Amino acid sequence: MNETVNKETVPAIAPGLRFQWEEAQDCHVLLYPEGMIKLSPSAGEILRRCDGQKTIDDIIAELNEQFPDADLADDVMTFLEKAVENGWIRT
């Protein structure tokens, strides 16, 4: 997969995956036909904003507003690059 990720990219959860809160796991998860990916709290916060409407810059701005004491831009970009590589999101 050679998708480019930059701050103008508009990510969305990849077709075939479903993002949801899983009460039994006490975390956000990505569901796919063969199983489930349990997400860390930070991964859940990022992916719940990947709605196909917001740019990565918008997502970073929202996260910076919610977590003002953290410098998140590099971590968000790194995570989303990995999410594209893993096929979790499309751009």
PDB file of N, CA and C in Angstrom:
ATOM      1  N   MET A   1       0.850  -1.176   0.000  1.00  0.00           N
ATOM      2  CA  MET A   1       0.000   0.000   0.000  1.00  0.00           C
ATOM      3  C   MET A   1       0.893   1.235   0.000  1.00  0.00           C
ATOM      4  N   ASN A   2       0.727   2.099  -0.964  1.00  0.00           N
ATOM      5  CA  ASN A   2       1.560   3.286  -1.096  1.00  0.00           C
ATOM      6  C   ASN A   2       0.778   4.572  -0.871  1.00  0.00           C
ATOM      7  N   GLU A   3      -0.116   4.578   0.081  1.00  0.00           N
ATOM      8  CA  GLU A   3      -0.883   5.786   0.358  1.00  0.00           C
ATOM      9  C   GLU A   3      -0.016   6.771   1.125  1.00  0.00           C
ATOM     10  N   THR A   4      -0.079   8.020   0.719  1.00  0.00           N
ATOM     11  CA  THR A   4       0.670   9.066   1.383  1.00  0.00           C
ATOM     12  C   THR A   4      -0.179   9.679   2.481  1.00  0.00           C
ATOM     13  N   VAL A   5       0.467   9.930   3.616  1.00  0.00           N
ATOM     14  CA  VAL A   5      -0.213  10.559   4.747  1.00  0.00           C
ATOM     15  C   VAL A   5       0.453  11.903   4.998  1.00  0.00           C
ATOM     16  N   ASN A   6      -0.359  12.965   4.958  1.00  0.00           N
ATOM     17  CA  ASN A   6       0.132  14.292   5.335  1.00  0.00           C
ATOM     18  C   ASN A   6      -0.996  14.999   6.075  1.00  0.00           C
ATOM     19  N   LYS A   7      -0.744  16.210   6.523  1.00  0.00           N
ATOM     20  CA  LYS A   7      -1.726  16.892   7.374  1.00  0.00           C
ATOM     21  C   LYS A   7      -3.016  17.256   6.653  1.00  0.00           C
ATOM     22  N   GLU A   8      -3.027  17.209   5.320  1.00  0.00           N
ATOM     23  CA  GLU A   8      -4.254  17.479   4.560  1.00  0.00           C
ATOM     24  C   GLU A   8      -5.027  16.197   4.245  1.00  0.00           C
ATOM     25  N   THR A   9      -4.459  15.050   4.552  1.00  0.00           N
ATOM     26  CA  THR A   9      -5.107  13.766   4.327  1.00  0.00           C
ATOM     27  C   THR A   9      -6.392  13.688   5.152  1.00  0.00           C
ATOM     28  N   VAL A  10      -7.430  13.092   4.564  1.00  0.00           N
ATOM     29  CA  VAL A  10      -8.710  12.894   5.247  1.00  0.00           C
ATOM     30  C   VAL A  10      -8.891  11.382   5.457  1.00  0.00           C
ATOM     31  N   PRO A  11      -8.510  10.891   6.638  1.00  0.00           N
ATOM     32  CA  PRO A  11      -8.571   9.437   6.870  1.00  0.00           C
ATOM     33  C   PRO A  11      -9.963   8.966   7.273  1.00  0.00           C
ATOM     34  N   ALA A  12     -10.249   7.712   6.953  1.00  0.00           N
ATOM     35  CA  ALA A  12     -11.499   7.065   7.349  1.00  0.00           C
ATOM     36  C   ALA A  12     -11.187   5.601   7.657  1.00  0.00           C
ATOM     37  N   ILE A  13     -11.995   5.017   8.514  1.00  0.00           N
ATOM     38  CA  ILE A  13     -11.837   3.598   8.823  1.00  0.00           C
ATOM     39  C   ILE A  13     -12.002   2.813   7.517  1.00  0.00           C
ATOM     40  N   ALA A  14     -11.129   1.859   7.306  1.00  0.00           N
ATOM     41  CA  ALA A  14     -11.122   1.083   6.059  1.00  0.00           C
ATOM     42  C   ALA A  14     -12.396   0.255   5.915  1.00  0.00           C
ATOM     43  N   PRO A  15     -12.843   0.084   4.666  1.00  0.00           N
ATOM     44  CA  PRO A  15     -13.996  -0.785   4.416  1.00  0.00           C
ATOM     45  C   PRO A  15     -13.733  -2.185   4.976  1.00  0.00           C
ATOM     46  N   GLY A  16     -14.752  -2.796   5.531  1.00  0.00           N
ATOM     47  CA  GLY A  16     -14.608  -4.128   6.099  1.00  0.00           C
ATOM     48  C   GLY A  16     -14.256  -4.122   7.573  1.00  0.00           C
ATOM     49  N   LEU A  17     -13.910  -2.952   8.114  1.00  0.00           N
ATOM     50  CA  LEU A  17     -13.617  -2.826   9.537  1.00  0.00           C
ATOM     51  C   LEU A  17     -14.707  -1.999  10.196  1.00  0.00           C
ATOM     52  N   ARG A  18     -14.962  -2.288  11.453  1.00  0.00           N
ATOM     53  CA  ARG A  18     -15.906  -1.481  12.223  1.00  0.00           C
ATOM     54  C   ARG A  18     -15.225  -1.037  13.506  1.00  0.00           C
ATOM     55  N   PHE A  19     -15.265   0.254  13.763  1.00  0.00           N
ATOM     56  CA  PHE A  19     -14.691   0.837  14.968  1.00  0.00           C
ATOM     57  C   PHE A  19     -15.803   0.996  15.992  1.00  0.00           C
ATOM     58  N   GLN A  20     -15.585   0.507  17.210  1.00  0.00           N
ATOM     59  CA  GLN A  20     -16.612   0.652  18.235  1.00  0.00           C
ATOM     60  C   GLN A  20     -16.008   0.486  19.623  1.00  0.00           C
ATOM     61  N   TRP A  21     -16.770   0.945  20.625  1.00  0.00           N
ATOM     62  CA  TRP A  21     -16.420   0.710  22.027  1.00  0.00           C
ATOM     63  C   TRP A  21     -16.898  -0.697  22.371  1.00  0.00           C
ATOM     64  N   GLU A  22     -16.024  -1.479  22.958  1.00  0.00           N
ATOM     65  CA  GLU A  22     -16.359  -2.845  23.341  1.00  0.00           C
ATOM     66  C   GLU A  22     -16.357  -2.913  24.864  1.00  0.00           C
ATOM     67  N   GLU A  23     -17.556  -2.937  25.438  1.00  0.00           N
ATOM     68  CA  GLU A  23     -17.699  -2.923  26.900  1.00  0.00           C
ATOM     69  C   GLU A  23     -16.946  -4.080  27.556  1.00  0.00           C
ATOM     70  N   ALA A  24     -17.045  -5.266  26.982  1.00  0.00           N
ATOM     71  CA  ALA A  24     -16.392  -6.440  27.572  1.00  0.00           C
ATOM     72  C   ALA A  24     -14.870  -6.284  27.621  1.00  0.00           C
ATOM     73  N   GLN A  25     -14.306  -5.554  26.658  1.00  0.00           N
ATOM     74  CA  GLN A  25     -12.858  -5.347  26.616  1.00  0.00           C
ATOM     75  C   GLN A  25     -12.452  -4.060  27.345  1.00  0.00           C
ATOM     76  N   ASP A  26     -13.431  -3.205  27.641  1.00  0.00           N
ATOM     77  CA  ASP A  26     -13.206  -1.897  28.262  1.00  0.00           C
ATOM     78  C   ASP A  26     -12.253  -1.046  27.424  1.00  0.00           C
ATOM     79  N   CYS A  27     -12.466  -1.092  26.099  1.00  0.00           N
ATOM     80  CA  CYS A  27     -11.636  -0.298  25.197  1.00  0.00           C
ATOM     81  C   CYS A  27     -12.312  -0.204  23.832  1.00  0.00           C
ATOM     82  N   HIS A  28     -11.811   0.711  23.001  1.00  0.00           N
ATOM     83  CA  HIS A  28     -12.239   0.756  21.608  1.00  0.00           C
ATOM     84  C   HIS A  28     -11.572  -0.398  20.872  1.00  0.00           C
ATOM     85  N   VAL A  29     -12.256  -0.894  19.868  1.00  0.00           N
ATOM     86  CA  VAL A  29     -11.745  -1.997  19.065  1.00  0.00           C
ATOM     87  C   VAL A  29     -12.037  -1.741  17.589  1.00  0.00           C
ATOM     88  N   LEU A  30     -11.292  -2.420  16.763  1.00  0.00           N
ATOM     89  CA  LEU A  30     -11.599  -2.525  15.336  1.00  0.00           C
ATOM     90  C   LEU A  30     -12.030  -3.960  15.109  1.00  0.00           C
ATOM     91  N   LEU A  31     -13.241  -4.124  14.616  1.00  0.00           N
ATOM     92  CA  LEU A  31     -13.754  -5.463  14.324  1.00  0.00           C
ATOM     93  C   LEU A  31     -13.601  -5.746  12.844  1.00  0.00           C
ATOM     94  N   TYR A  32     -13.224  -6.955  12.524  1.00  0.00           N
ATOM     95  CA  TYR A  32     -13.141  -7.413  11.147  1.00  0.00           C
ATOM     96  C   TYR A  32     -13.644  -8.850  11.126  1.00  0.00           C
ATOM     97  N   PRO A  33     -13.959  -9.404   9.959  1.00  0.00           N
ATOM     98  CA  PRO A  33     -14.617 -10.717   9.920  1.00  0.00           C
ATOM     99  C   PRO A  33     -13.886 -11.818  10.691  1.00  0.00           C
ATOM    100  N   GLU A  34     -12.576 -11.777  10.734  1.00  0.00           N
ATOM    101  CA  GLU A  34     -11.824 -12.842  11.379  1.00  0.00           C
ATOM    102  C   GLU A  34     -11.495 -12.569  12.839  1.00  0.00           C
ATOM    103  N   GLY A  35     -11.828 -11.373  13.345  1.00  0.00           N
ATOM    104  CA  GLY A  35     -11.471 -11.109  14.726  1.00  0.00           C
ATOM    105  C   GLY A  35     -11.608  -9.657  15.140  1.00  0.00           C
ATOM    106  N   MET A  36     -10.737  -9.285  16.081  1.00  0.00           N
ATOM    107  CA  MET A  36     -10.839  -7.982  16.705  1.00  0.00           C
ATOM    108  C   MET A  36      -9.439  -7.474  17.057  1.00  0.00           C
ATOM    109  N   ILE A  37      -9.249  -6.170  16.908  1.00  0.00           N
ATOM    110  CA  ILE A  37      -8.011  -5.515  17.314  1.00  0.00           C
ATOM    111  C   ILE A  37      -8.358  -4.619  18.488  1.00  0.00           C
ATOM    112  N   LYS A  38      -7.775  -4.909  19.652  1.00  0.00           N
ATOM    113  CA  LYS A  38      -7.982  -4.063  20.827  1.00  0.00           C
ATOM    114  C   LYS A  38      -7.061  -2.852  20.704  1.00  0.00           C
ATOM    115  N   LEU A  39      -7.619  -1.664  20.939  1.00  0.00           N
ATOM    116  CA  LEU A  39      -6.872  -0.424  20.772  1.00  0.00           C
ATOM    117  C   LEU A  39      -6.527   0.196  22.114  1.00  0.00           C
ATOM    118  N   SER A  40      -5.367   0.827  22.167  1.00  0.00           N
ATOM    119  CA  SER A  40      -4.988   1.588  23.351  1.00  0.00           C
ATOM    120  C   SER A  40      -5.902   2.809  23.450  1.00  0.00           C
ATOM    121  N   PRO A  41      -5.986   3.436  24.617  1.00  0.00           N
ATOM    122  CA  PRO A  41      -6.813   4.638  24.732  1.00  0.00           C
ATOM    123  C   PRO A  41      -6.424   5.729  23.721  1.00  0.00           C
ATOM    124  N   SER A  42      -5.139   5.941  23.510  1.00  0.00           N
ATOM    125  CA  SER A  42      -4.730   6.980  22.558  1.00  0.00           C
ATOM    126  C   SER A  42      -5.095   6.597  21.127  1.00  0.00           C
ATOM    127  N   ALA A  43      -4.936   5.328  20.762  1.00  0.00           N
ATOM    128  CA  ALA A  43      -5.329   4.880  19.420  1.00  0.00           C
ATOM    129  C   ALA A  43      -6.829   5.053  19.221  1.00  0.00           C
ATOM    130  N   GLY A  44      -7.614   4.747  20.249  1.00  0.00           N
ATOM    131  CA  GLY A  44      -9.057   4.929  20.166  1.00  0.00           C
ATOM    132  C   GLY A  44      -9.439   6.384  19.967  1.00  0.00           C
ATOM    133  N   GLU A  45      -8.762   7.291  20.686  1.00  0.00           N
ATOM    134  CA  GLU A  45      -9.042   8.727  20.547  1.00  0.00           C
ATOM    135  C   GLU A  45      -8.742   9.217  19.131  1.00  0.00           C
ATOM    136  N   ILE A  46      -7.669   8.706  18.545  1.00  0.00           N
ATOM    137  CA  ILE A  46      -7.312   9.113  17.184  1.00  0.00           C
ATOM    138  C   ILE A  46      -8.303   8.513  16.177  1.00  0.00           C
ATOM    139  N   LEU A  47      -8.511   7.207  16.252  1.00  0.00           N
ATOM    140  CA  LEU A  47      -9.345   6.544  15.241  1.00  0.00           C
ATOM    141  C   LEU A  47     -10.807   6.966  15.309  1.00  0.00           C
ATOM    142  N   ARG A  48     -11.307   7.341  16.479  1.00  0.00           N
ATOM    143  CA  ARG A  48     -12.717   7.753  16.536  1.00  0.00           C
ATOM    144  C   ARG A  48     -12.937   9.060  15.791  1.00  0.00           C
ATOM    145  N   ARG A  49     -11.865   9.764  15.484  1.00  0.00           N
ATOM    146  CA  ARG A  49     -11.960  11.014  14.726  1.00  0.00           C
ATOM    147  C   ARG A  49     -11.731  10.803  13.222  1.00  0.00           C
ATOM    148  N   CYS A  50     -11.369   9.603  12.834  1.00  0.00           N
ATOM    149  CA  CYS A  50     -11.122   9.292  11.414  1.00  0.00           C
ATOM    150  C   CYS A  50     -12.457   8.963  10.755  1.00  0.00           C
ATOM    151  N   ASP A  51     -13.215  10.012  10.442  1.00  0.00           N
ATOM    152  CA  ASP A  51     -14.586   9.861   9.970  1.00  0.00           C
ATOM    153  C   ASP A  51     -14.763  10.142   8.475  1.00  0.00           C
ATOM    154  N   GLY A  52     -13.652  10.355   7.777  1.00  0.00           N
ATOM    155  CA  GLY A  52     -13.757  10.670   6.359  1.00  0.00           C
ATOM    156  C   GLY A  52     -14.168  12.102   6.095  1.00  0.00           C
ATOM    157  N   GLN A  53     -14.247  12.927   7.142  1.00  0.00           N
ATOM    158  CA  GLN A  53     -14.625  14.329   7.022  1.00  0.00           C
ATOM    159  C   GLN A  53     -13.490  15.267   7.443  1.00  0.00           C
ATOM    160  N   LYS A  54     -12.776  14.869   8.489  1.00  0.00           N
ATOM    161  CA  LYS A  54     -11.729  15.719   9.070  1.00  0.00           C
ATOM    162  C   LYS A  54     -10.372  15.404   8.455  1.00  0.00           C
ATOM    163  N   THR A  55      -9.571  16.456   8.265  1.00  0.00           N
ATOM    164  CA  THR A  55      -8.184  16.243   7.861  1.00  0.00           C
ATOM    165  C   THR A  55      -7.381  15.823   9.090  1.00  0.00           C
ATOM    166  N   ILE A  56      -6.188  15.311   8.856  1.00  0.00           N
ATOM    167  CA  ILE A  56      -5.311  14.978   9.980  1.00  0.00           C
ATOM    168  C   ILE A  56      -5.007  16.232  10.784  1.00  0.00           C
ATOM    169  N   ASP A  57      -4.855  17.358  10.129  1.00  0.00           N
ATOM    170  CA  ASP A  57      -4.640  18.616  10.838  1.00  0.00           C
ATOM    171  C   ASP A  57      -5.819  18.920  11.769  1.00  0.00           C
ATOM    172  N   ASP A  58      -7.058  18.689  11.317  1.00  0.00           N
ATOM    173  CA  ASP A  58      -8.245  18.878  12.156  1.00  0.00           C
ATOM    174  C   ASP A  58      -8.208  17.939  13.366  1.00  0.00           C
ATOM    175  N   ILE A  59      -7.834  16.692  13.115  1.00  0.00           N
ATOM    176  CA  ILE A  59      -7.768  15.689  14.188  1.00  0.00           C
ATOM    177  C   ILE A  59      -6.744  16.106  15.230  1.00  0.00           C
ATOM    178  N   ILE A  60      -5.569  16.541  14.780  1.00  0.00           N
ATOM    179  CA  ILE A  60      -4.530  17.000  15.712  1.00  0.00           C
ATOM    180  C   ILE A  60      -5.028  18.196  16.517  1.00  0.00           C
ATOM    181  N   ALA A  61      -5.714  19.126  15.865  1.00  0.00           N
ATOM    182  CA  ALA A  61      -6.240  20.306  16.565  1.00  0.00           C
ATOM    183  C   ALA A  61      -7.247  19.891  17.648  1.00  0.00           C
ATOM    184  N   GLU A  62      -8.135  18.950  17.329  1.00  0.00           N
ATOM    185  CA  GLU A  62      -9.104  18.468  18.325  1.00  0.00           C
ATOM    186  C   GLU A  62      -8.408  17.809  19.504  1.00  0.00           C
ATOM    187  N   LEU A  63      -7.413  16.990  19.203  1.00  0.00           N
ATOM    188  CA  LEU A  63      -6.683  16.304  20.273  1.00  0.00           C
ATOM    189  C   LEU A  63      -5.899  17.297  21.130  1.00  0.00           C
ATOM    190  N   ASN A  64      -5.309  18.303  20.494  1.00  0.00           N
ATOM    191  CA  ASN A  64      -4.576  19.330  21.252  1.00  0.00           C
ATOM    192  C   ASN A  64      -5.518  20.116  22.155  1.00  0.00           C
ATOM    193  N   GLU A  65      -6.751  20.303  21.701  1.00  0.00           N
ATOM    194  CA  GLU A  65      -7.744  20.996  22.527  1.00  0.00           C
ATOM    195  C   GLU A  65      -8.150  20.130  23.722  1.00  0.00           C
ATOM    196  N   GLN A  66      -8.314  18.830  23.469  1.00  0.00           N
ATOM    197  CA  GLN A  66      -8.720  17.913  24.536  1.00  0.00           C
ATOM    198  C   GLN A  66      -7.574  17.637  25.510  1.00  0.00           C
ATOM    199  N   PHE A  67      -6.343  17.599  24.996  1.00  0.00           N
ATOM    200  CA  PHE A  67      -5.165  17.296  25.812  1.00  0.00           C
ATOM    201  C   PHE A  67      -4.146  18.412  25.643  1.00  0.00           C
ATOM    202  N   PRO A  68      -4.400  19.596  26.231  1.00  0.00           N
ATOM    203  CA  PRO A  68      -3.574  20.780  25.970  1.00  0.00           C
ATOM    204  C   PRO A  68      -2.131  20.688  26.483  1.00  0.00           C
ATOM    205  N   ASP A  69      -1.854  19.787  27.395  1.00  0.00           N
ATOM    206  CA  ASP A  69      -0.500  19.692  27.955  1.00  0.00           C
ATOM    207  C   ASP A  69       0.404  18.756  27.172  1.00  0.00           C
ATOM    208  N   ALA A  70      -0.082  18.191  26.087  1.00  0.00           N
ATOM    209  CA  ALA A  70       0.704  17.235  25.305  1.00  0.00           C
ATOM    210  C   ALA A  70       0.983  17.786  23.913  1.00  0.00           C
ATOM    211  N   ASP A  71       2.151  17.498  23.388  1.00  0.00           N
ATOM    212  CA  ASP A  71       2.502  17.841  22.008  1.00  0.00           C
ATOM    213  C   ASP A  71       2.297  16.572  21.179  1.00  0.00           C
ATOM    214  N   LEU A  72       1.164  16.489  20.498  1.00  0.00           N
ATOM    215  CA  LEU A  72       0.712  15.231  19.907  1.00  0.00           C
ATOM    216  C   LEU A  72       0.954  15.073  18.414  1.00  0.00           C
ATOM    217  N   ALA A  73       1.305  16.119  17.715  1.00  0.00           N
ATOM    218  CA  ALA A  73       1.330  16.077  16.249  1.00  0.00           C
ATOM    219  C   ALA A  73       2.187  14.937  15.702  1.00  0.00           C
ATOM    220  N   ASP A  74       3.404  14.799  16.172  1.00  0.00           N
ATOM    221  CA  ASP A  74       4.286  13.745  15.643  1.00  0.00           C
ATOM    222  C   ASP A  74       3.751  12.356  15.952  1.00  0.00           C
ATOM    223  N   ASP A  75       3.246  12.172  17.178  1.00  0.00           N
ATOM    224  CA  ASP A  75       2.712  10.863  17.558  1.00  0.00           C
ATOM    225  C   ASP A  75       1.480  10.494  16.736  1.00  0.00           C
ATOM    226  N   VAL A  76       0.614  11.475  16.487  1.00  0.00           N
ATOM    227  CA  VAL A  76      -0.582  11.222  15.683  1.00  0.00           C
ATOM    228  C   VAL A  76      -0.184  10.840  14.257  1.00  0.00           C
ATOM    229  N   MET A  77       0.749  11.593  13.672  1.00  0.00           N
ATOM    230  CA  MET A  77       1.198  11.277  12.306  1.00  0.00           C
ATOM    231  C   MET A  77       1.802   9.879  12.241  1.00  0.00           C
ATOM    232  N   THR A  78       2.656   9.540  13.200  1.00  0.00           N
ATOM    233  CA  THR A  78       3.287   8.217  13.215  1.00  0.00           C
ATOM    234  C   THR A  78       2.243   7.119  13.332  1.00  0.00           C
ATOM    235  N   PHE A  79       1.281   7.307  14.239  1.00  0.00           N
ATOM    236  CA  PHE A  79       0.231   6.306  14.405  1.00  0.00           C
ATOM    237  C   PHE A  79      -0.577   6.140  13.125  1.00  0.00           C
ATOM    238  N   LEU A  80      -0.980   7.247  12.506  1.00  0.00           N
ATOM    239  CA  LEU A  80      -1.800   7.154  11.295  1.00  0.00           C
ATOM    240  C   LEU A  80      -1.032   6.545  10.125  1.00  0.00           C
ATOM    241  N   GLU A  81       0.267   6.809  10.038  1.00  0.00           N
ATOM    242  CA  GLU A  81       1.078   6.143   9.010  1.00  0.00           C
ATOM    243  C   GLU A  81       1.053   4.639   9.218  1.00  0.00           C
ATOM    244  N   LYS A  82       1.190   4.195  10.469  1.00  0.00           N
ATOM    245  CA  LYS A  82       1.136   2.755  10.777  1.00  0.00           C
ATOM    246  C   LYS A  82      -0.261   2.193  10.519  1.00  0.00           C
ATOM    247  N   ALA A  83      -1.300   2.983  10.838  1.00  0.00           N
ATOM    248  CA  ALA A  83      -2.663   2.534  10.607  1.00  0.00           C
ATOM    249  C   ALA A  83      -2.926   2.307   9.115  1.00  0.00           C
ATOM    250  N   VAL A  84      -2.372   3.171   8.269  1.00  0.00           N
ATOM    251  CA  VAL A  84      -2.489   2.984   6.818  1.00  0.00           C
ATOM    252  C   VAL A  84      -1.745   1.713   6.412  1.00  0.00           C
ATOM    253  N   GLU A  85      -0.513   1.553   6.902  1.00  0.00           N
ATOM    254  CA  GLU A  85       0.272   0.343   6.579  1.00  0.00           C
ATOM    255  C   GLU A  85      -0.474  -0.922   6.993  1.00  0.00           C
ATOM    256  N   ASN A  86      -1.157  -0.876   8.152  1.00  0.00           N
ATOM    257  CA  ASN A  86      -1.886  -2.046   8.661  1.00  0.00           C
ATOM    258  C   ASN A  86      -3.230  -2.245   7.977  1.00  0.00           C
ATOM    259  N   GLY A  87      -3.643  -1.271   7.148  1.00  0.00           N
ATOM    260  CA  GLY A  87      -4.923  -1.377   6.456  1.00  0.00           C
ATOM    261  C   GLY A  87      -6.118  -1.013   7.325  1.00  0.00           C
ATOM    262  N   TRP A  88      -5.881  -0.315   8.444  1.00  0.00           N
ATOM    263  CA  TRP A  88      -6.964   0.085   9.338  1.00  0.00           C
ATOM    264  C   TRP A  88      -7.721   1.283   8.825  1.00  0.00           C
ATOM    265  N   ILE A  89      -7.022   2.191   8.130  1.00  0.00           N
ATOM    266  CA  ILE A  89      -7.679   3.363   7.585  1.00  0.00           C
ATOM    267  C   ILE A  89      -7.354   3.484   6.113  1.00  0.00           C
ATOM    268  N   ARG A  90      -8.207   4.220   5.414  1.00  0.00           N
ATOM    269  CA  ARG A  90      -7.938   4.578   4.019  1.00  0.00           C
ATOM    270  C   ARG A  90      -7.812   6.082   3.978  1.00  0.00           C
ATOM    271  N   THR A  91      -7.108   6.561   2.995  1.00  0.00           N
ATOM    272  CA  THR A  91      -6.893   8.004   2.866  1.00  0.00           C
ATOM    273  C   THR A  91      -7.426   8.496   1.545  1.00  0.00           C
TER     274      THR A  91
END
